[in-house]
């Protein structure tokens, strides 16, 4: 598989995903990702993207300014 940005080689490796929700910053560690070795572009499978969306939506309800979640620890029903 090649990078859609620069056509470099893609490798599977865990990354950290971060999003600022305004009232809370959510950091998800150890996210399964595909990363280009040439330009660093990161992409996710559809399943991983859906799970990240669920994690972020769950954290919207948290009463904290910063939430750090390990991707593999978060069980999604």
PDB file of N, CA and C in Angstrom:
ATOM      1  N   UNK A   1       0.844  -1.180   0.000  1.00  0.00           N
ATOM      2  CA  UNK A   1       0.000   0.000   0.000  1.00  0.00           C
ATOM      3  C   UNK A   1       0.888   1.241   0.000  1.00  0.00           C
ATOM      4  N   UNK A   2       0.471   2.245  -0.745  1.00  0.00           N
ATOM      5  CA  UNK A   2       1.240   3.479  -0.826  1.00  0.00           C
ATOM      6  C   UNK A   2       0.456   4.663  -0.274  1.00  0.00           C
ATOM      7  N   UNK A   3       1.184   5.655   0.217  1.00  0.00           N
ATOM      8  CA  UNK A   3       0.601   6.875   0.772  1.00  0.00           C
ATOM      9  C   UNK A   3      -0.171   7.624  -0.316  1.00  0.00           C
ATOM     10  N   UNK A   4      -1.366   8.083   0.033  1.00  0.00           N
ATOM     11  CA  UNK A   4      -2.158   8.828  -0.945  1.00  0.00           C
ATOM     12  C   UNK A   4      -1.673  10.262  -1.103  1.00  0.00           C
ATOM     13  N   UNK A   5      -0.800  10.726  -0.202  1.00  0.00           N
ATOM     14  CA  UNK A   5      -0.265  12.092  -0.283  1.00  0.00           C
ATOM     15  C   UNK A   5       1.000  12.135  -1.135  1.00  0.00           C
ATOM     16  N   UNK A   6       1.985  11.262  -0.799  1.00  0.00           N
ATOM     17  CA  UNK A   6       3.286  11.345  -1.474  1.00  0.00           C
ATOM     18  C   UNK A   6       3.683  10.058  -2.196  1.00  0.00           C
ATOM     19  N   UNK A   7       2.837   9.039  -2.110  1.00  0.00           N
ATOM     20  CA  UNK A   7       3.094   7.734  -2.736  1.00  0.00           C
ATOM     21  C   UNK A   7       4.211   6.946  -2.056  1.00  0.00           C
ATOM     22  N   UNK A   8       4.599   7.370  -0.822  1.00  0.00           N
ATOM     23  CA  UNK A   8       5.602   6.643  -0.052  1.00  0.00           C
ATOM     24  C   UNK A   8       5.050   5.333   0.487  1.00  0.00           C
ATOM     25  N   UNK A   9       5.895   4.568   1.141  1.00  0.00           N
ATOM     26  CA  UNK A   9       5.518   3.272   1.692  1.00  0.00           C
ATOM     27  C   UNK A   9       4.820   3.472   3.037  1.00  0.00           C
ATOM     28  N   UNK A  10       3.740   2.721   3.243  1.00  0.00           N
ATOM     29  CA  UNK A  10       2.955   2.774   4.475  1.00  0.00           C
ATOM     30  C   UNK A  10       3.368   1.624   5.387  1.00  0.00           C
ATOM     31  N   UNK A  11       3.516   1.913   6.676  1.00  0.00           N
ATOM     32  CA  UNK A  11       3.780   0.845   7.642  1.00  0.00           C
ATOM     33  C   UNK A  11       2.770   0.944   8.795  1.00  0.00           C
ATOM     34  N   UNK A  12       2.438  -0.224   9.349  1.00  0.00           N
ATOM     35  CA  UNK A  12       1.547  -0.279  10.500  1.00  0.00           C
ATOM     36  C   UNK A  12       2.350   0.020  11.752  1.00  0.00           C
ATOM     37  N   UNK A  13       1.864   0.968  12.554  1.00  0.00           N
ATOM     38  CA  UNK A  13       2.516   1.251  13.829  1.00  0.00           C
ATOM     39  C   UNK A  13       1.564   2.028  14.724  1.00  0.00           C
ATOM     40  N   UNK A  14       1.702   1.868  16.032  1.00  0.00           N
ATOM     41  CA  UNK A  14       0.827   2.601  16.949  1.00  0.00           C
ATOM     42  C   UNK A  14       1.209   4.077  16.994  1.00  0.00           C
ATOM     43  N   UNK A  15       0.183   4.922  17.093  1.00  0.00           N
ATOM     44  CA  UNK A  15       0.403   6.360  17.190  1.00  0.00           C
ATOM     45  C   UNK A  15      -0.453   6.915  18.323  1.00  0.00           C
ATOM     46  N   UNK A  16      -0.343   8.211  18.546  1.00  0.00           N
ATOM     47  CA  UNK A  16      -1.169   8.903  19.529  1.00  0.00           C
ATOM     48  C   UNK A  16      -2.108   9.834  18.785  1.00  0.00           C
ATOM     49  N   UNK A  17      -3.396   9.756  19.118  1.00  0.00           N
ATOM     50  CA  UNK A  17      -4.434  10.585  18.513  1.00  0.00           C
ATOM     51  C   UNK A  17      -4.837  11.638  19.538  1.00  0.00           C
ATOM     52  N   UNK A  18      -4.953  12.890  19.108  1.00  0.00           N
ATOM     53  CA  UNK A  18      -5.333  13.962  20.022  1.00  0.00           C
ATOM     54  C   UNK A  18      -6.389  14.846  19.380  1.00  0.00           C
ATOM     55  N   UNK A  19      -7.372  15.256  20.194  1.00  0.00           N
ATOM     56  CA  UNK A  19      -8.396  16.171  19.715  1.00  0.00           C
ATOM     57  C   UNK A  19      -8.738  17.159  20.831  1.00  0.00           C
ATOM     58  N   UNK A  20      -8.932  18.423  20.438  1.00  0.00           N
ATOM     59  CA  UNK A  20      -9.312  19.476  21.376  1.00  0.00           C
ATOM     60  C   UNK A  20     -10.804  19.723  21.221  1.00  0.00           C
ATOM     61  N   UNK A  21     -11.578  19.414  22.262  1.00  0.00           N
ATOM     62  CA  UNK A  21     -13.029  19.577  22.218  1.00  0.00           C
ATOM     63  C   UNK A  21     -13.472  20.942  22.737  1.00  0.00           C
ATOM     64  N   UNK A  22     -12.524  21.814  22.988  1.00  0.00           N
ATOM     65  CA  UNK A  22     -12.857  23.134  23.520  1.00  0.00           C
ATOM     66  C   UNK A  22     -12.787  23.144  25.037  1.00  0.00           C
ATOM     67  N   UNK A  23     -13.596  22.312  25.681  1.00  0.00           N
ATOM     68  CA  UNK A  23     -13.590  22.238  27.136  1.00  0.00           C
ATOM     69  C   UNK A  23     -12.722  21.089  27.656  1.00  0.00           C
ATOM     70  N   UNK A  24     -12.240  20.236  26.758  1.00  0.00           N
ATOM     71  CA  UNK A  24     -11.453  19.069  27.149  1.00  0.00           C
ATOM     72  C   UNK A  24     -10.540  18.657  25.993  1.00  0.00           C
ATOM     73  N   UNK A  25      -9.331  18.269  26.330  1.00  0.00           N
ATOM     74  CA  UNK A  25      -8.414  17.697  25.346  1.00  0.00           C
ATOM     75  C   UNK A  25      -8.385  16.196  25.576  1.00  0.00           C
ATOM     76  N   UNK A  26      -8.629  15.424  24.521  1.00  0.00           N
ATOM     77  CA  UNK A  26      -8.625  13.968  24.612  1.00  0.00           C
ATOM     78  C   UNK A  26      -7.388  13.439  23.893  1.00  0.00           C
ATOM     79  N   UNK A  27      -6.617  12.618  24.602  1.00  0.00           N
ATOM     80  CA  UNK A  27      -5.420  11.986  24.046  1.00  0.00           C
ATOM     81  C   UNK A  27      -5.639  10.481  24.110  1.00  0.00           C
ATOM     82  N   UNK A  28      -5.539   9.827  22.959  1.00  0.00           N
ATOM     83  CA  UNK A  28      -5.691   8.375  22.893  1.00  0.00           C
ATOM     84  C   UNK A  28      -4.349   7.801  22.462  1.00  0.00           C
ATOM     85  N   UNK A  29      -3.751   6.992  23.341  1.00  0.00           N
ATOM     86  CA  UNK A  29      -2.430   6.424  23.086  1.00  0.00           C
ATOM     87  C   UNK A  29      -2.544   5.031  22.466  1.00  0.00           C
ATOM     88  N   UNK A  30      -1.511   4.637  21.762  1.00  0.00           N
ATOM     89  CA  UNK A  30      -1.384   3.290  21.186  1.00  0.00           C
ATOM     90  C   UNK A  30      -2.496   2.948  20.188  1.00  0.00           C
ATOM     91  N   UNK A  31      -2.809   3.893  19.316  1.00  0.00           N
ATOM     92  CA  UNK A  31      -3.851   3.688  18.303  1.00  0.00           C
ATOM     93  C   UNK A  31      -3.238   2.965  17.105  1.00  0.00           C
ATOM     94  N   UNK A  32      -3.820   1.827  16.684  1.00  0.00           N
ATOM     95  CA  UNK A  32      -3.327   1.140  15.485  1.00  0.00           C
ATOM     96  C   UNK A  32      -3.489   2.059  14.263  1.00  0.00           C
ATOM     97  N   UNK A  33      -2.404   2.329  13.568  1.00  0.00           N
ATOM     98  CA  UNK A  33      -2.417   3.297  12.474  1.00  0.00           C
ATOM     99  C   UNK A  33      -1.572   2.816  11.306  1.00  0.00           C
ATOM    100  N   UNK A  34      -1.771   3.463  10.172  1.00  0.00           N
ATOM    101  CA  UNK A  34      -0.907   3.281   9.020  1.00  0.00           C
ATOM    102  C   UNK A  34      -0.193   4.618   8.814  1.00  0.00           C
ATOM    103  N   UNK A  35       1.140   4.576   8.850  1.00  0.00           N
ATOM    104  CA  UNK A  35       1.935   5.794   8.787  1.00  0.00           C
ATOM    105  C   UNK A  35       2.897   5.712   7.609  1.00  0.00           C
ATOM    106  N   UNK A  36       2.961   6.790   6.829  1.00  0.00           N
ATOM    107  CA  UNK A  36       3.894   6.854   5.706  1.00  0.00           C
ATOM    108  C   UNK A  36       5.303   7.078   6.234  1.00  0.00           C
ATOM    109  N   UNK A  37       6.242   6.242   5.783  1.00  0.00           N
ATOM    110  CA  UNK A  37       7.628   6.372   6.242  1.00  0.00           C
ATOM    111  C   UNK A  37       8.314   7.583   5.613  1.00  0.00           C
ATOM    112  N   UNK A  38       7.747   8.116   4.534  1.00  0.00           N
ATOM    113  CA  UNK A  38       8.363   9.249   3.847  1.00  0.00           C
ATOM    114  C   UNK A  38       7.865  10.592   4.378  1.00  0.00           C
ATOM    115  N   UNK A  39       6.531  10.794   4.428  1.00  0.00           N
ATOM    116  CA  UNK A  39       5.997  12.103   4.815  1.00  0.00           C
ATOM    117  C   UNK A  39       5.339  12.113   6.194  1.00  0.00           C
ATOM    118  N   UNK A  40       5.105  10.935   6.786  1.00  0.00           N
ATOM    119  CA  UNK A  40       4.516  10.872   8.120  1.00  0.00           C
ATOM    120  C   UNK A  40       3.008  10.947   8.170  1.00  0.00           C
ATOM    121  N   UNK A  41       2.358  11.007   7.020  1.00  0.00           N
ATOM    122  CA  UNK A  41       0.891  11.043   6.977  1.00  0.00           C
ATOM    123  C   UNK A  41       0.331   9.819   7.703  1.00  0.00           C
ATOM    124  N   UNK A  42      -0.647  10.053   8.580  1.00  0.00           N
ATOM    125  CA  UNK A  42      -1.241   8.980   9.370  1.00  0.00           C
ATOM    126  C   UNK A  42      -2.672   8.744   8.922  1.00  0.00           C
ATOM    127  N   UNK A  43      -3.034   7.464   8.787  1.00  0.00           N
ATOM    128  CA  UNK A  43      -4.422   7.125   8.456  1.00  0.00           C
ATOM    129  C   UNK A  43      -4.856   5.952   9.329  1.00  0.00           C
ATOM    130  N   UNK A  44      -6.175   5.752   9.376  1.00  0.00           N
ATOM    131  CA  UNK A  44      -6.775   4.727  10.222  1.00  0.00           C
ATOM    132  C   UNK A  44      -7.747   3.897   9.402  1.00  0.00           C
ATOM    133  N   UNK A  45      -7.925   2.639   9.805  1.00  0.00           N
ATOM    134  CA  UNK A  45      -8.959   1.823   9.167  1.00  0.00           C
ATOM    135  C   UNK A  45     -10.318   2.374   9.594  1.00  0.00           C
ATOM    136  N   UNK A  46     -11.360   1.963   8.885  1.00  0.00           N
ATOM    137  CA  UNK A  46     -12.711   2.403   9.247  1.00  0.00           C
ATOM    138  C   UNK A  46     -13.076   1.974  10.660  1.00  0.00           C
ATOM    139  N   UNK A  47     -12.704   0.755  11.054  1.00  0.00           N
ATOM    140  CA  UNK A  47     -13.013   0.265  12.400  1.00  0.00           C
ATOM    141  C   UNK A  47     -12.318   1.103  13.472  1.00  0.00           C
ATOM    142  N   UNK A  48     -11.054   1.426  13.242  1.00  0.00           N
ATOM    143  CA  UNK A  48     -10.307   2.245  14.204  1.00  0.00           C
ATOM    144  C   UNK A  48     -10.910   3.645  14.272  1.00  0.00           C
ATOM    145  N   UNK A  49     -11.263   4.228  13.137  1.00  0.00           N
ATOM    146  CA  UNK A  49     -11.860   5.566  13.119  1.00  0.00           C
ATOM    147  C   UNK A  49     -13.180   5.577  13.879  1.00  0.00           C
ATOM    148  N   UNK A  50     -14.000   4.540  13.708  1.00  0.00           N
ATOM    149  CA  UNK A  50     -15.276   4.464  14.438  1.00  0.00           C
ATOM    150  C   UNK A  50     -15.030   4.352  15.939  1.00  0.00           C
ATOM    151  N   UNK A  51     -14.032   3.557  16.309  1.00  0.00           N
ATOM    152  CA  UNK A  51     -13.724   3.387  17.731  1.00  0.00           C
ATOM    153  C   UNK A  51     -13.183   4.687  18.328  1.00  0.00           C
ATOM    154  N   UNK A  52     -12.346   5.394  17.598  1.00  0.00           N
ATOM    155  CA  UNK A  52     -11.854   6.694  18.061  1.00  0.00           C
ATOM    156  C   UNK A  52     -13.012   7.669  18.258  1.00  0.00           C
ATOM    157  N   UNK A  53     -13.949   7.670  17.324  1.00  0.00           N
ATOM    158  CA  UNK A  53     -15.122   8.539  17.440  1.00  0.00           C
ATOM    159  C   UNK A  53     -15.920   8.208  18.698  1.00  0.00           C
ATOM    160  N   UNK A  54     -16.087   6.928  18.996  1.00  0.00           N
ATOM    161  CA  UNK A  54     -16.818   6.494  20.185  1.00  0.00           C
ATOM    162  C   UNK A  54     -16.071   6.916  21.451  1.00  0.00           C
ATOM    163  N   UNK A  55     -14.756   6.720  21.474  1.00  0.00           N
ATOM    164  CA  UNK A  55     -13.962   7.124  22.631  1.00  0.00           C
ATOM    165  C   UNK A  55     -14.092   8.628  22.868  1.00  0.00           C
ATOM    166  N   UNK A  56     -13.948   9.422  21.816  1.00  0.00           N
ATOM    167  CA  UNK A  56     -14.044  10.880  21.937  1.00  0.00           C
ATOM    168  C   UNK A  56     -15.434  11.285  22.414  1.00  0.00           C
ATOM    169  N   UNK A  57     -16.476  10.684  21.858  1.00  0.00           N
ATOM    170  CA  UNK A  57     -17.836  11.016  22.287  1.00  0.00           C
ATOM    171  C   UNK A  57     -18.059  10.661  23.751  1.00  0.00           C
ATOM    172  N   UNK A  58     -17.509   9.530  24.206  1.00  0.00           N
ATOM    173  CA  UNK A  58     -17.614   9.153  25.617  1.00  0.00           C
ATOM    174  C   UNK A  58     -16.891  10.167  26.508  1.00  0.00           C
ATOM    175  N   UNK A  59     -15.760  10.677  26.049  1.00  0.00           N
ATOM    176  CA  UNK A  59     -14.982  11.628  26.840  1.00  0.00           C
ATOM    177  C   UNK A  59     -15.622  13.012  26.885  1.00  0.00           C
ATOM    178  N   UNK A  60     -16.505  13.327  25.935  1.00  0.00           N
ATOM    179  CA  UNK A  60     -17.227  14.611  25.962  1.00  0.00           C
ATOM    180  C   UNK A  60     -18.013  14.759  27.256  1.00  0.00           C
ATOM    181  N   UNK A  61     -18.454  13.651  27.820  1.00  0.00           N
ATOM    182  CA  UNK A  61     -19.260  13.657  29.037  1.00  0.00           C
ATOM    183  C   UNK A  61     -18.401  13.746  30.295  1.00  0.00           C
ATOM    184  N   UNK A  62     -17.104  13.546  30.147  1.00  0.00           N
ATOM    185  CA  UNK A  62     -16.205  13.554  31.307  1.00  0.00           C
ATOM    186  C   UNK A  62     -16.055  14.978  31.843  1.00  0.00           C
ATOM    187  N   UNK A  63     -15.935  15.068  33.144  1.00  0.00           N
ATOM    188  CA  UNK A  63     -15.738  16.370  33.773  1.00  0.00           C
ATOM    189  C   UNK A  63     -14.248  16.509  34.084  1.00  0.00           C
ATOM    190  N   UNK A  64     -13.494  16.750  33.028  1.00  0.00           N
ATOM    191  CA  UNK A  64     -12.044  16.903  33.156  1.00  0.00           C
ATOM    192  C   UNK A  64     -11.546  17.764  32.006  1.00  0.00           C
ATOM    193  N   UNK A  65     -10.407  18.410  32.206  1.00  0.00           N
ATOM    194  CA  UNK A  65      -9.845  19.243  31.147  1.00  0.00           C
ATOM    195  C   UNK A  65      -8.981  18.431  30.190  1.00  0.00           C
ATOM    196  N   UNK A  66      -8.347  17.371  30.711  1.00  0.00           N
ATOM    197  CA  UNK A  66      -7.503  16.510  29.887  1.00  0.00           C
ATOM    198  C   UNK A  66      -7.848  15.058  30.191  1.00  0.00           C
ATOM    199  N   UNK A  67      -8.102  14.293  29.152  1.00  0.00           N
ATOM    200  CA  UNK A  67      -8.367  12.862  29.308  1.00  0.00           C
ATOM    201  C   UNK A  67      -7.343  12.096  28.479  1.00  0.00           C
ATOM    202  N   UNK A  68      -6.616  11.180  29.127  1.00  0.00           N
ATOM    203  CA  UNK A  68      -5.647  10.340  28.434  1.00  0.00           C
ATOM    204  C   UNK A  68      -6.170   8.914  28.506  1.00  0.00           C
ATOM    205  N   UNK A  69      -6.381   8.302  27.340  1.00  0.00           N
ATOM    206  CA  UNK A  69      -6.971   6.980  27.258  1.00  0.00           C
ATOM    207  C   UNK A  69      -6.045   6.088  26.454  1.00  0.00           C
ATOM    208  N   UNK A  70      -5.853   4.852  26.912  1.00  0.00           N
ATOM    209  CA  UNK A  70      -5.101   3.876  26.137  1.00  0.00           C
ATOM    210  C   UNK A  70      -6.095   3.163  25.223  1.00  0.00           C
ATOM    211  N   UNK A  71      -5.865   3.195  23.932  1.00  0.00           N
ATOM    212  CA  UNK A  71      -6.788   2.631  22.942  1.00  0.00           C
ATOM    213  C   UNK A  71      -7.177   1.199  23.278  1.00  0.00           C
ATOM    214  N   UNK A  72      -6.228   0.379  23.669  1.00  0.00           N
ATOM    215  CA  UNK A  72      -6.505  -1.043  23.909  1.00  0.00           C
ATOM    216  C   UNK A  72      -7.234  -1.267  25.225  1.00  0.00           C
ATOM    217  N   UNK A  73      -7.217  -0.301  26.147  1.00  0.00           N
ATOM    218  CA  UNK A  73      -7.915  -0.453  27.421  1.00  0.00           C
ATOM    219  C   UNK A  73      -9.384  -0.072  27.338  1.00  0.00           C
ATOM    220  N   UNK A  74      -9.753   0.695  26.344  1.00  0.00           N
ATOM    221  CA  UNK A  74     -11.115   1.218  26.230  1.00  0.00           C
ATOM    222  C   UNK A  74     -11.996   0.164  25.566  1.00  0.00           C
ATOM    223  N   UNK A  75     -12.891  -0.436  26.325  1.00  0.00           N
ATOM    224  CA  UNK A  75     -13.795  -1.443  25.800  1.00  0.00           C
ATOM    225  C   UNK A  75     -15.040  -0.754  25.279  1.00  0.00           C
ATOM    226  N   UNK A  76     -15.339  -0.989  24.020  1.00  0.00           N
ATOM    227  CA  UNK A  76     -16.500  -0.382  23.379  1.00  0.00           C
ATOM    228  C   UNK A  76     -17.576  -1.445  23.220  1.00  0.00           C
ATOM    229  N   UNK A  77     -18.745  -1.156  23.740  1.00  0.00           N
ATOM    230  CA  UNK A  77     -19.853  -2.132  23.630  1.00  0.00           C
ATOM    231  C   UNK A  77     -20.567  -1.999  22.308  1.00  0.00           C
TER     232      UNK A  77
END
